[in-house]
């Protein structure tokens, strides 16, 4: 099917830049990624991911990790398993 519909949208400059870098790493153009998203919405008859308001515990975890709190750095998978006690 010919692609002839145009989509015009505004977004934050930095968000666009970061997302386009991710698309490039995945080998996708922004157009291809948007078409993939649209196909998934059509196929699922809704968003292809859950959209939820995070609970307090999750918000705390987000805020803590953004602030660098409670982060455990591991040098390897073996180091990670050791620190997890596995």
N, C-alpha and C. Protein backbone atom coordinates (compact mmCIF):
# COMPACT_ATOMS: atom_id res chain seq x y z
N UNK A 1 0.85 -1.18 0.00
CA UNK A 1 0.00 0.00 0.00
C UNK A 1 0.89 1.24 0.00
N UNK A 2 0.54 2.20 -0.84
CA UNK A 2 1.32 3.42 -0.95
C UNK A 2 1.20 4.25 0.33
N UNK A 3 2.31 4.82 0.73
CA UNK A 3 2.33 5.67 1.92
C UNK A 3 2.15 7.11 1.47
N UNK A 4 0.98 7.67 1.78
CA UNK A 4 0.73 9.03 1.32
C UNK A 4 0.22 9.95 2.42
N UNK A 5 -0.11 9.43 3.59
CA UNK A 5 -0.60 10.28 4.68
C UNK A 5 0.59 10.85 5.44
N UNK A 6 0.49 12.12 5.76
CA UNK A 6 1.55 12.79 6.52
C UNK A 6 1.10 12.95 7.97
N UNK A 7 2.05 12.84 8.87
CA UNK A 7 1.81 13.07 10.29
C UNK A 7 2.72 14.21 10.72
N UNK A 8 2.14 15.21 11.33
CA UNK A 8 2.91 16.34 11.86
C UNK A 8 2.71 16.34 13.36
N UNK A 9 3.79 16.28 14.10
CA UNK A 9 3.69 16.26 15.57
C UNK A 9 4.86 17.05 16.14
N UNK A 10 4.64 17.60 17.30
CA UNK A 10 5.70 18.33 18.01
C UNK A 10 6.12 17.52 19.22
N UNK A 11 7.42 17.56 19.50
CA UNK A 11 7.94 16.88 20.67
C UNK A 11 9.16 17.65 21.16
N UNK A 12 9.66 17.26 22.30
CA UNK A 12 10.85 17.91 22.86
C UNK A 12 12.07 17.57 22.01
N UNK A 13 12.92 18.55 21.80
CA UNK A 13 14.10 18.37 20.95
C UNK A 13 14.99 17.24 21.47
N UNK A 14 15.29 17.26 22.77
CA UNK A 14 16.19 16.25 23.33
C UNK A 14 15.56 14.85 23.29
N UNK A 15 14.26 14.76 23.54
CA UNK A 15 13.56 13.47 23.46
C UNK A 15 13.66 12.90 22.05
N UNK A 16 13.41 13.74 21.05
CA UNK A 16 13.50 13.30 19.65
C UNK A 16 14.90 12.80 19.33
N UNK A 17 15.90 13.54 19.76
CA UNK A 17 17.29 13.16 19.49
C UNK A 17 17.62 11.80 20.12
N UNK A 18 17.26 11.63 21.39
CA UNK A 18 17.55 10.37 22.08
C UNK A 18 16.83 9.20 21.43
N UNK A 19 15.55 9.39 21.09
CA UNK A 19 14.76 8.31 20.50
C UNK A 19 15.29 7.95 19.12
N UNK A 20 15.67 8.95 18.33
CA UNK A 20 16.21 8.66 17.01
C UNK A 20 17.53 7.91 17.09
N UNK A 21 18.33 8.16 18.13
CA UNK A 21 19.58 7.40 18.33
C UNK A 21 19.26 5.94 18.64
N UNK A 22 18.23 5.71 19.43
CA UNK A 22 17.82 4.34 19.74
C UNK A 22 17.31 3.64 18.48
N UNK A 23 16.47 4.34 17.71
CA UNK A 23 15.99 3.76 16.45
C UNK A 23 17.16 3.40 15.55
N UNK A 24 18.14 4.29 15.43
CA UNK A 24 19.30 4.03 14.58
C UNK A 24 20.06 2.80 15.05
N UNK A 25 20.21 2.65 16.37
CA UNK A 25 20.91 1.47 16.90
C UNK A 25 20.14 0.19 16.58
N UNK A 26 18.83 0.31 16.44
CA UNK A 26 17.99 -0.84 16.09
C UNK A 26 17.87 -1.03 14.58
N UNK A 27 18.48 -0.12 13.82
CA UNK A 27 18.41 -0.21 12.37
C UNK A 27 17.08 0.30 11.82
N UNK A 28 16.40 1.17 12.57
CA UNK A 28 15.10 1.68 12.15
C UNK A 28 15.16 3.18 11.90
N UNK A 29 14.43 3.63 10.91
CA UNK A 29 14.23 5.06 10.74
C UNK A 29 13.04 5.45 11.62
N UNK A 30 12.87 6.74 11.84
CA UNK A 30 11.72 7.20 12.61
C UNK A 30 10.43 6.81 11.91
N UNK A 31 10.38 6.93 10.60
CA UNK A 31 9.19 6.57 9.82
C UNK A 31 8.88 5.08 10.00
N UNK A 32 9.89 4.23 9.89
CA UNK A 32 9.68 2.79 10.05
C UNK A 32 9.20 2.46 11.45
N UNK A 33 9.79 3.11 12.46
CA UNK A 33 9.38 2.87 13.85
C UNK A 33 7.93 3.29 14.07
N UNK A 34 7.54 4.44 13.53
CA UNK A 34 6.15 4.90 13.67
C UNK A 34 5.19 3.96 12.95
N UNK A 35 5.57 3.49 11.77
CA UNK A 35 4.72 2.54 11.05
C UNK A 35 4.59 1.23 11.83
N UNK A 36 5.68 0.78 12.43
CA UNK A 36 5.65 -0.42 13.26
C UNK A 36 4.70 -0.23 14.43
N UNK A 37 4.80 0.92 15.09
CA UNK A 37 3.91 1.25 16.20
C UNK A 37 2.45 1.25 15.73
N UNK A 38 2.16 1.91 14.62
CA UNK A 38 0.79 1.98 14.11
C UNK A 38 0.24 0.59 13.78
N UNK A 39 1.08 -0.27 13.17
CA UNK A 39 0.64 -1.65 12.86
C UNK A 39 0.32 -2.42 14.13
N UNK A 40 1.13 -2.24 15.16
CA UNK A 40 0.87 -2.91 16.43
C UNK A 40 -0.41 -2.41 17.08
N UNK A 41 -0.66 -1.11 17.03
CA UNK A 41 -1.91 -0.56 17.58
C UNK A 41 -3.10 -1.15 16.84
N UNK A 42 -3.02 -1.21 15.51
CA UNK A 42 -4.12 -1.78 14.73
C UNK A 42 -4.32 -3.25 15.05
N UNK A 43 -3.23 -4.00 15.12
CA UNK A 43 -3.32 -5.44 15.36
C UNK A 43 -3.89 -5.74 16.75
N UNK A 44 -3.47 -4.96 17.76
CA UNK A 44 -3.90 -5.21 19.14
C UNK A 44 -5.18 -4.46 19.51
N UNK A 45 -5.60 -3.56 18.61
CA UNK A 45 -6.78 -2.73 18.87
C UNK A 45 -6.58 -1.88 20.12
N UNK A 46 -5.35 -1.43 20.33
CA UNK A 46 -5.00 -0.60 21.47
C UNK A 46 -3.49 -0.42 21.51
N UNK A 47 -3.02 0.22 22.55
CA UNK A 47 -1.58 0.44 22.69
C UNK A 47 -0.86 -0.90 22.88
N UNK A 48 0.33 -1.05 22.30
CA UNK A 48 1.06 -2.32 22.40
C UNK A 48 1.88 -2.43 23.69
N UNK A 49 1.51 -1.67 24.69
CA UNK A 49 2.17 -1.71 26.00
C UNK A 49 1.18 -1.18 27.02
N UNK A 50 1.39 -1.52 28.26
CA UNK A 50 0.48 -1.04 29.28
C UNK A 50 0.81 0.41 29.65
N UNK A 51 -0.21 1.16 29.96
CA UNK A 51 -0.05 2.55 30.39
C UNK A 51 -0.69 2.63 31.76
N UNK A 52 0.15 2.84 32.75
CA UNK A 52 -0.32 2.84 34.12
C UNK A 52 0.32 3.98 34.89
N UNK A 53 -0.36 4.41 35.93
CA UNK A 53 0.22 5.38 36.84
C UNK A 53 1.00 4.59 37.88
N UNK A 54 2.31 4.83 38.03
CA UNK A 54 3.12 4.05 38.98
C UNK A 54 2.64 4.26 40.41
N UNK A 55 2.73 3.18 41.21
CA UNK A 55 2.38 3.29 42.62
C UNK A 55 3.54 3.95 43.37
N UNK A 56 3.32 4.24 44.65
CA UNK A 56 4.32 4.96 45.45
C UNK A 56 5.67 4.23 45.49
N UNK A 57 5.63 2.91 45.64
CA UNK A 57 6.88 2.13 45.72
C UNK A 57 7.67 2.25 44.42
N UNK A 58 6.97 2.16 43.30
CA UNK A 58 7.63 2.27 42.00
C UNK A 58 8.17 3.68 41.79
N UNK A 59 7.38 4.70 42.15
CA UNK A 59 7.85 6.08 42.03
C UNK A 59 9.10 6.32 42.87
N UNK A 60 9.12 5.75 44.08
CA UNK A 60 10.29 5.89 44.95
C UNK A 60 11.50 5.25 44.28
N UNK A 61 11.32 4.06 43.70
CA UNK A 61 12.42 3.38 43.02
C UNK A 61 12.93 4.21 41.84
N UNK A 62 12.01 4.79 41.06
CA UNK A 62 12.42 5.66 39.95
C UNK A 62 13.24 6.84 40.46
N UNK A 63 12.71 7.51 41.48
CA UNK A 63 13.38 8.69 42.02
C UNK A 63 14.74 8.34 42.63
N UNK A 64 14.79 7.22 43.36
CA UNK A 64 16.06 6.79 43.96
C UNK A 64 17.10 6.48 42.89
N UNK A 65 16.69 5.76 41.85
CA UNK A 65 17.67 5.41 40.81
C UNK A 65 18.11 6.65 40.05
N UNK A 66 17.18 7.58 39.79
CA UNK A 66 17.57 8.84 39.14
C UNK A 66 18.59 9.61 39.97
N UNK A 67 18.47 9.50 41.32
CA UNK A 67 19.38 10.20 42.23
C UNK A 67 20.64 9.38 42.52
N UNK A 68 20.72 8.17 41.94
CA UNK A 68 21.89 7.32 42.17
C UNK A 68 21.87 6.59 43.49
N UNK A 69 20.72 6.53 44.16
CA UNK A 69 20.61 5.85 45.45
C UNK A 69 20.28 4.37 45.25
N UNK A 70 20.90 3.53 46.06
CA UNK A 70 20.59 2.11 46.07
C UNK A 70 21.03 1.36 44.83
N UNK A 71 21.93 1.93 44.08
CA UNK A 71 22.40 1.26 42.87
C UNK A 71 23.62 0.42 43.21
N UNK A 72 23.58 -0.83 42.79
CA UNK A 72 24.70 -1.73 43.01
C UNK A 72 25.35 -1.99 41.66
N UNK A 73 26.60 -1.64 41.56
CA UNK A 73 27.32 -1.86 40.30
C UNK A 73 28.05 -3.19 40.34
N UNK A 74 28.00 -3.90 39.22
CA UNK A 74 28.64 -5.21 39.12
C UNK A 74 29.62 -5.18 37.95
N UNK A 75 30.74 -5.82 38.15
CA UNK A 75 31.78 -5.84 37.12
C UNK A 75 31.54 -6.94 36.09
N UNK A 76 30.74 -7.94 36.46
CA UNK A 76 30.47 -9.05 35.56
C UNK A 76 29.21 -9.77 36.04
N UNK A 77 28.74 -10.72 35.23
CA UNK A 77 27.58 -11.51 35.64
C UNK A 77 27.91 -12.31 36.90
N UNK A 78 29.12 -12.83 36.96
CA UNK A 78 29.54 -13.60 38.14
C UNK A 78 29.50 -12.71 39.39
N UNK A 79 29.98 -11.48 39.26
CA UNK A 79 29.96 -10.54 40.37
C UNK A 79 28.51 -10.23 40.78
N UNK A 80 27.64 -10.07 39.80
CA UNK A 80 26.23 -9.80 40.08
C UNK A 80 25.60 -10.95 40.86
N UNK A 81 25.81 -12.19 40.40
CA UNK A 81 25.23 -13.34 41.08
C UNK A 81 25.78 -13.48 42.50
N UNK A 82 27.06 -13.17 42.67
CA UNK A 82 27.65 -13.22 44.01
C UNK A 82 26.98 -12.21 44.92
N UNK A 83 26.78 -11.00 44.42
CA UNK A 83 26.15 -9.96 45.21
C UNK A 83 24.69 -10.27 45.51
N UNK A 84 24.04 -11.01 44.62
CA UNK A 84 22.65 -11.43 44.84
C UNK A 84 22.56 -12.67 45.74
N UNK A 85 23.68 -13.29 46.00
CA UNK A 85 23.70 -14.49 46.83
C UNK A 85 23.21 -15.72 46.10
N UNK A 86 23.39 -15.71 44.80
CA UNK A 86 22.92 -16.85 43.98
C UNK A 86 24.12 -17.70 43.58
